[in-house]
Amino acid sequence: MYRNNEQFKERRIRAIKEDVRKGGSELSRSALADIGDYAEACDVESAMELKAELTDLAMTIQQARPSMAVLWNILQHWIELMPGMPLDDLDSARQFAADQARMLSETSVRASKQITQQISPQVVPGSVVMVHSYSTTVMQILKSLQGSEFKVIMTESRPGIEGRRMARALSEMQVPTTYITEAQIGNFVRLADLVLIGADSVLQDGSVVNKAGTYLVALAAYDQSVPVWVVAESFKHSPTHADEVELEEMDPDELQLPEIDFINPRNIYFDITPAKLISAWIDENGYRTEFDQESKPMPAGLLKVKSGV
């Protein structure tokens, strides 16, 4: 048992707030794992008390990362399942809450696999894919292509430098990869056949909240007529409008700028890419080229290979 419930919750919420390495899907599944762990071991005397403790934790986590719709949405689904919790037996209540968390996590994983199954056949031998930051869905797609003749151009994604995590994985996969700073995007995007990005939130009009720099990648790709595909499970869809989004700002010390008079460093971690710069949105239900359309199966040969690095 956790003998201090509040300390556990504070630790887990702090960990979620400070985790700048994981993408939205990965972080939301970590949050569900925390819910499951807490359900099985928090110190309570009744099922009703358990329900209150777990709901409080879920609702607090929902507020922890406002730029990530998936975290809010997936925990809201879990909260909406809680009326079904049996309240006459504490062990059964624990099991129910943990099972629902695992079920939602498995649903998220399955959605990512369904996205991968749609996109993998599109990336034919000779394709060059540009990626930005770290996305578990994008990484799964690239892993599914292991052994085929494709290349990657990737950004380091400062200041968190999430690109290094993906670079190590691509090295292990022996995928020829060009690693660049964001400042070099304009030099390299013209060499890509496809820009493939994840999303932390897909907004009401199809605009995308993602790691800062995504907007710049999409702008450069749009100028060079390189398609930009957004891969994001439907848990990431949000009814929010762009002017309502809170873009998280992290500690400016991460920029490693010495203190200089009159200089105010800013470290906003996310940006918003307008829907007009996006060529296609792909989720577990299919793809769409206009966000107000219904998703449909991807036809073969949608991606046209034109280049090489």
Protein backbone atom coordinates (compact mmCIF):
# COMPACT_ATOMS: atom_id res chain seq x y z
CA MET A 1 0.00 0.00 0.00
CA TYR A 2 1.00 3.60 -0.52
CA ARG A 3 1.04 5.00 3.00
CA ASN A 4 1.00 8.57 1.76
CA ASN A 5 -1.42 8.96 -1.11
CA GLU A 6 -0.75 12.67 -1.57
CA GLN A 7 2.98 12.13 -1.95
CA PHE A 8 2.41 9.52 -4.62
CA LYS A 9 0.07 11.79 -6.55
CA GLU A 10 2.40 14.77 -6.29
CA ARG A 11 5.35 12.70 -7.56
CA ARG A 12 3.45 11.33 -10.52
CA ILE A 13 1.94 14.67 -11.52
CA ARG A 14 5.34 16.34 -11.27
CA ALA A 15 6.86 13.62 -13.42
CA ILE A 16 4.21 14.14 -16.09
CA LYS A 17 4.65 17.92 -16.04
CA GLU A 18 8.42 17.68 -16.36
CA ASP A 19 8.56 14.93 -18.98
CA VAL A 20 9.54 16.67 -22.22
CA ARG A 21 10.88 13.55 -23.92
CA LYS A 22 7.70 11.53 -24.48
CA GLY A 23 5.12 12.28 -27.11
CA GLY A 24 1.45 12.70 -26.19
CA SER A 25 0.41 9.09 -26.79
CA GLU A 26 3.31 7.67 -24.83
CA LEU A 27 2.75 10.09 -21.97
CA SER A 28 -0.98 9.36 -21.84
CA ARG A 29 -0.29 5.64 -21.62
CA SER A 30 2.16 6.33 -18.80
CA ALA A 31 -0.60 8.27 -17.04
CA LEU A 32 -2.98 5.32 -17.44
CA ALA A 33 -0.30 3.04 -15.98
CA ASP A 34 -0.07 5.42 -12.99
CA ILE A 35 -3.86 5.22 -12.57
CA GLY A 36 -3.68 1.42 -12.68
CA ASP A 37 -0.82 1.28 -10.16
CA TYR A 38 -2.62 3.65 -7.82
CA ALA A 39 -5.87 1.71 -8.15
CA GLU A 40 -4.14 -1.46 -7.02
CA ALA A 41 -2.11 -0.03 -4.14
CA CYS A 42 -3.41 3.28 -2.75
CA ASP A 43 -4.29 3.35 0.93
CA VAL A 44 -8.09 3.49 1.23
CA GLU A 45 -10.73 1.73 3.32
CA SER A 46 -13.66 1.57 0.91
CA ALA A 47 -14.49 1.39 -2.78
CA MET A 48 -16.15 4.80 -2.58
CA GLU A 49 -12.96 6.31 -1.15
CA LEU A 50 -10.95 4.60 -3.87
CA LYS A 51 -13.17 6.05 -6.57
CA ALA A 52 -12.74 9.56 -5.13
CA GLU A 53 -8.94 9.19 -4.88
CA LEU A 54 -8.59 7.89 -8.43
CA THR A 55 -10.89 10.47 -9.93
CA ASP A 56 -8.99 13.24 -8.19
CA LEU A 57 -5.71 11.94 -9.59
CA ALA A 58 -7.12 11.60 -13.12
CA MET A 59 -8.60 15.10 -13.11
CA THR A 60 -5.36 16.63 -11.81
CA ILE A 61 -3.32 14.85 -14.49
CA GLN A 62 -5.74 16.16 -17.11
CA GLN A 63 -4.68 19.69 -16.22
CA ALA A 64 -0.96 18.93 -16.11
CA ARG A 65 -0.15 19.26 -19.84
CA PRO A 66 -2.63 21.64 -21.50
CA SER A 67 -1.03 21.34 -24.96
CA MET A 68 -1.75 17.58 -25.09
CA ALA A 69 -5.36 16.83 -25.93
CA VAL A 70 -4.72 13.10 -25.84
CA LEU A 71 -3.92 13.23 -22.12
CA TRP A 72 -7.20 14.99 -21.35
CA ASN A 73 -9.27 12.83 -23.70
CA ILE A 74 -8.00 9.42 -22.69
CA LEU A 75 -8.38 10.17 -18.97
CA GLN A 76 -11.84 11.59 -19.60
CA HIS A 77 -12.79 8.28 -21.20
CA TRP A 78 -11.50 6.52 -18.08
CA ILE A 79 -13.49 8.87 -15.78
CA GLU A 80 -16.65 8.22 -17.79
CA LEU A 81 -16.23 4.48 -17.19
CA MET A 82 -16.11 4.89 -13.41
CA PRO A 83 -19.91 4.80 -12.82
CA GLY A 84 -19.55 1.10 -13.61
CA MET A 85 -17.16 0.54 -10.70
CA PRO A 86 -18.52 -2.00 -8.17
CA LEU A 87 -18.78 -0.24 -4.82
CA ASP A 88 -19.65 -3.23 -2.62
CA ASP A 89 -16.17 -4.78 -2.65
CA LEU A 90 -12.84 -2.91 -2.48
CA ASP A 91 -10.76 -5.57 -4.26
CA SER A 92 -13.25 -5.72 -7.12
CA ALA A 93 -13.25 -1.92 -7.36
CA ARG A 94 -9.45 -1.89 -7.56
CA GLN A 95 -9.50 -4.52 -10.28
CA PHE A 96 -12.19 -2.69 -12.28
CA ALA A 97 -10.34 0.65 -12.24
CA ALA A 98 -7.02 -0.94 -13.22
CA ASP A 99 -8.65 -3.02 -15.96
CA GLN A 100 -10.27 0.05 -17.52
CA ALA A 101 -6.92 1.86 -17.55
CA ARG A 102 -5.25 -1.10 -19.25
CA MET A 103 -8.09 -1.39 -21.77
CA LEU A 104 -7.75 2.27 -22.81
CA SER A 105 -3.98 1.93 -23.07
CA GLU A 106 -4.41 -1.10 -25.32
CA THR A 107 -6.91 0.85 -27.44
CA SER A 108 -4.32 3.58 -27.91
CA VAL A 109 -1.62 1.08 -28.87
CA ARG A 110 -3.98 -0.61 -31.31
CA ALA A 111 -4.80 2.75 -32.94
CA SER A 112 -1.10 3.40 -33.48
CA LYS A 113 -0.69 -0.02 -35.10
CA GLN A 114 -3.65 0.64 -37.41
CA ILE A 115 -2.10 3.94 -38.51
CA THR A 116 1.18 2.12 -39.19
CA GLN A 117 -0.57 -0.53 -41.28
CA GLN A 118 -2.03 2.18 -43.50
CA ILE A 119 1.14 4.20 -44.05
CA SER A 120 3.83 1.53 -44.31
CA PRO A 121 2.80 0.41 -47.83
CA GLN A 122 2.98 4.02 -49.03
CA VAL A 123 6.68 4.41 -48.21
CA VAL A 124 8.14 2.55 -51.19
CA PRO A 125 11.85 1.83 -51.76
CA GLY A 126 13.73 5.05 -52.45
CA SER A 127 11.44 7.21 -50.31
CA VAL A 128 12.97 10.00 -48.23
CA VAL A 129 11.01 10.89 -45.10
CA MET A 130 11.57 14.03 -43.02
CA VAL A 131 10.58 13.90 -39.35
CA HIS A 132 10.62 16.37 -36.47
CA SER A 133 10.89 15.78 -32.71
CA TYR A 134 9.90 12.37 -31.32
CA SER A 135 6.58 10.65 -31.95
CA THR A 136 5.90 7.09 -30.86
CA THR A 137 3.57 6.64 -33.84
CA VAL A 138 6.13 7.97 -36.32
CA MET A 139 8.78 5.76 -34.72
CA GLN A 140 6.53 2.71 -35.06
CA ILE A 141 5.99 3.51 -38.75
CA LEU A 142 9.73 3.79 -39.35
CA LYS A 143 10.35 0.52 -37.49
CA SER A 144 7.80 -1.20 -39.72
CA LEU A 145 9.89 -0.16 -42.73
CA GLN A 146 13.10 -1.69 -41.37
CA GLY A 147 14.89 -3.59 -44.10
CA SER A 148 13.39 -1.59 -46.96
CA GLU A 149 15.33 1.02 -48.89
CA PHE A 150 14.24 4.31 -47.39
CA LYS A 151 16.07 7.25 -45.87
CA VAL A 152 15.29 9.76 -43.15
CA ILE A 153 16.01 13.44 -42.64
CA MET A 154 15.47 14.38 -39.03
CA THR A 155 15.74 17.48 -36.88
CA GLU A 156 17.44 17.50 -33.50
CA SER A 157 14.42 19.36 -32.04
CA ARG A 158 15.92 21.81 -29.60
CA PRO A 159 15.98 22.54 -26.75
CA GLY A 160 14.91 19.07 -25.56
CA ILE A 161 16.83 17.47 -28.46
CA GLU A 162 14.28 14.67 -28.75
CA GLY A 163 15.76 13.91 -32.15
CA ARG A 164 18.68 12.12 -30.51
CA ARG A 165 16.34 9.48 -29.13
CA MET A 166 15.03 8.75 -32.62
CA ALA A 167 18.53 8.96 -34.11
CA ARG A 168 19.76 6.20 -31.81
CA ALA A 169 16.82 4.00 -32.80
CA LEU A 170 17.39 4.63 -36.51
CA SER A 171 21.09 3.84 -36.09
CA GLU A 172 20.21 0.49 -34.52
CA MET A 173 17.88 -0.12 -37.48
CA GLN A 174 20.74 0.78 -39.88
CA VAL A 175 18.57 3.39 -41.63
CA PRO A 176 20.59 6.03 -43.55
CA THR A 177 19.70 9.24 -41.71
CA THR A 178 20.63 12.89 -42.14
CA TYR A 179 20.54 14.71 -38.79
CA ILE A 180 20.07 18.49 -38.95
CA THR A 181 19.32 21.52 -36.81
CA GLU A 182 15.98 23.25 -37.31
CA ALA A 183 17.88 26.15 -38.89
CA GLN A 184 18.73 23.83 -41.82
CA ILE A 185 15.16 22.77 -42.58
CA GLY A 186 14.96 25.05 -45.62
CA ASN A 187 18.09 23.46 -47.09
CA PHE A 188 16.89 19.88 -46.76
CA VAL A 189 13.11 19.73 -47.02
CA ARG A 190 13.22 19.94 -50.83
CA LEU A 191 15.03 16.58 -50.80
CA ALA A 192 12.19 14.82 -48.99
CA ASP A 193 9.28 12.96 -50.53
CA LEU A 194 7.21 13.24 -47.37
CA VAL A 195 7.16 15.10 -44.07
CA LEU A 196 5.73 12.76 -41.44
CA ILE A 197 4.80 14.30 -38.09
CA GLY A 198 2.93 13.30 -34.99
CA ALA A 199 0.67 15.61 -33.01
CA ASP A 200 -0.03 16.40 -29.40
CA SER A 201 -3.45 17.79 -30.35
CA VAL A 202 -5.47 18.04 -33.56
CA LEU A 203 -7.76 21.04 -33.21
CA GLN A 204 -11.32 21.66 -34.33
CA ASP A 205 -10.29 22.90 -37.78
CA GLY A 206 -7.47 20.41 -38.33
CA SER A 207 -4.68 22.67 -37.09
CA VAL A 208 -2.04 20.75 -35.19
CA VAL A 209 -0.38 21.43 -31.84
CA ASN A 210 3.03 19.78 -31.78
CA LYS A 211 6.63 20.37 -30.68
CA ALA A 212 7.86 23.88 -31.55
CA GLY A 213 9.43 23.83 -35.00
CA THR A 214 6.62 21.82 -36.59
CA TYR A 215 5.13 25.01 -38.05
CA LEU A 216 8.50 25.87 -39.63
CA VAL A 217 8.85 22.38 -41.12
CA ALA A 218 5.33 22.56 -42.56
CA LEU A 219 5.88 26.06 -43.98
CA ALA A 220 9.07 24.99 -45.72
CA ALA A 221 7.44 21.80 -47.03
CA TYR A 222 4.44 23.76 -48.33
CA ASP A 223 6.76 26.13 -50.19
CA GLN A 224 8.57 23.18 -51.79
CA SER A 225 5.36 21.20 -52.56
CA VAL A 226 6.38 18.37 -50.23
CA PRO A 227 3.33 16.66 -48.66
CA VAL A 228 2.90 16.90 -44.89
CA TRP A 229 1.10 13.97 -43.29
CA VAL A 230 -0.06 14.14 -39.68
CA VAL A 231 -0.34 10.78 -37.91
CA ALA A 232 -2.45 10.96 -34.77
CA GLU A 233 -4.93 8.61 -33.13
CA SER A 234 -8.44 9.98 -32.69
CA PHE A 235 -7.86 10.36 -28.93
CA LYS A 236 -5.83 13.43 -29.96
CA HIS A 237 -8.74 15.22 -31.61
CA SER A 238 -9.90 18.28 -29.69
CA PRO A 239 -12.91 20.60 -30.16
CA THR A 240 -10.64 23.50 -29.17
CA HIS A 241 -9.96 26.42 -31.51
CA ALA A 242 -6.43 27.69 -32.10
CA ASP A 243 -7.00 30.95 -30.21
CA GLU A 244 -8.04 28.93 -27.14
CA VAL A 245 -4.91 26.80 -26.93
CA GLU A 246 -2.46 27.21 -24.07
CA LEU A 247 1.03 26.55 -25.41
CA GLU A 248 3.20 25.26 -22.59
CA GLU A 249 6.29 27.27 -21.70
CA MET A 250 9.19 25.51 -20.01
CA ASP A 251 12.09 26.76 -17.91
CA PRO A 252 14.21 29.19 -19.99
CA ASP A 253 17.33 27.84 -18.27
CA GLU A 254 17.07 24.95 -20.71
CA LEU A 255 18.25 27.37 -23.42
CA GLN A 256 21.56 27.73 -21.57
CA LEU A 257 21.73 31.49 -22.11
CA PRO A 258 23.91 33.37 -19.62
CA GLU A 259 22.17 36.20 -17.80
CA ILE A 260 22.39 39.29 -20.03
CA ASP A 261 20.87 42.68 -19.26
CA PHE A 262 17.67 43.47 -21.19
CA ILE A 263 17.49 39.94 -22.68
CA ASN A 264 14.40 37.86 -21.88
CA PRO A 265 14.72 34.20 -22.99
CA ARG A 266 11.50 32.35 -23.87
CA ASN A 267 11.08 28.59 -24.12
CA ILE A 268 7.64 27.84 -25.55
CA TYR A 269 7.64 24.10 -26.24
CA PHE A 270 4.80 23.82 -28.75
CA ASP A 271 3.47 25.64 -31.78
CA ILE A 272 0.35 25.49 -33.94
CA THR A 273 0.54 24.43 -37.58
CA PRO A 274 -2.44 25.73 -39.60
CA ALA A 275 -4.57 23.16 -41.40
CA LYS A 276 -3.83 24.76 -44.79
CA LEU A 277 -0.22 23.50 -44.54
CA ILE A 278 -1.26 19.87 -43.95
CA SER A 279 -1.76 17.52 -46.89
CA ALA A 280 -3.39 14.63 -45.03
CA TRP A 281 -4.49 13.56 -41.56
CA ILE A 282 -4.21 9.85 -40.80
CA ASP A 283 -5.80 8.15 -37.79
CA GLU A 284 -6.88 4.59 -37.03
CA ASN A 285 -9.97 5.03 -39.22
CA GLY A 286 -8.13 6.04 -42.40
CA TYR A 287 -7.03 9.30 -43.98
CA ARG A 288 -8.55 12.58 -45.09
CA THR A 289 -7.23 15.48 -47.15
CA GLU A 290 -9.85 17.92 -45.84
CA PHE A 291 -10.33 17.78 -42.10
CA ASP A 292 -14.11 18.18 -42.25
CA GLN A 293 -14.32 15.00 -44.35
CA GLU A 294 -14.82 11.49 -43.00
CA SER A 295 -11.71 9.30 -42.89
CA LYS A 296 -11.46 6.68 -45.64
CA PRO A 297 -9.01 3.90 -46.52
CA MET A 298 -5.74 5.06 -48.05
CA PRO A 299 -5.40 4.11 -51.74
CA ALA A 300 -2.21 2.46 -52.93
CA GLY A 301 0.42 4.72 -54.42
CA LEU A 302 -0.67 7.89 -52.68
CA LEU A 303 2.95 8.92 -52.06
CA LYS A 304 4.98 9.80 -55.17
CA VAL A 305 8.74 9.30 -54.80
CA LYS A 306 10.80 11.97 -56.50
CA SER A 307 14.10 12.38 -54.69
CA GLY A 308 17.06 10.99 -52.81
CA VAL A 309 19.58 12.09 -50.21
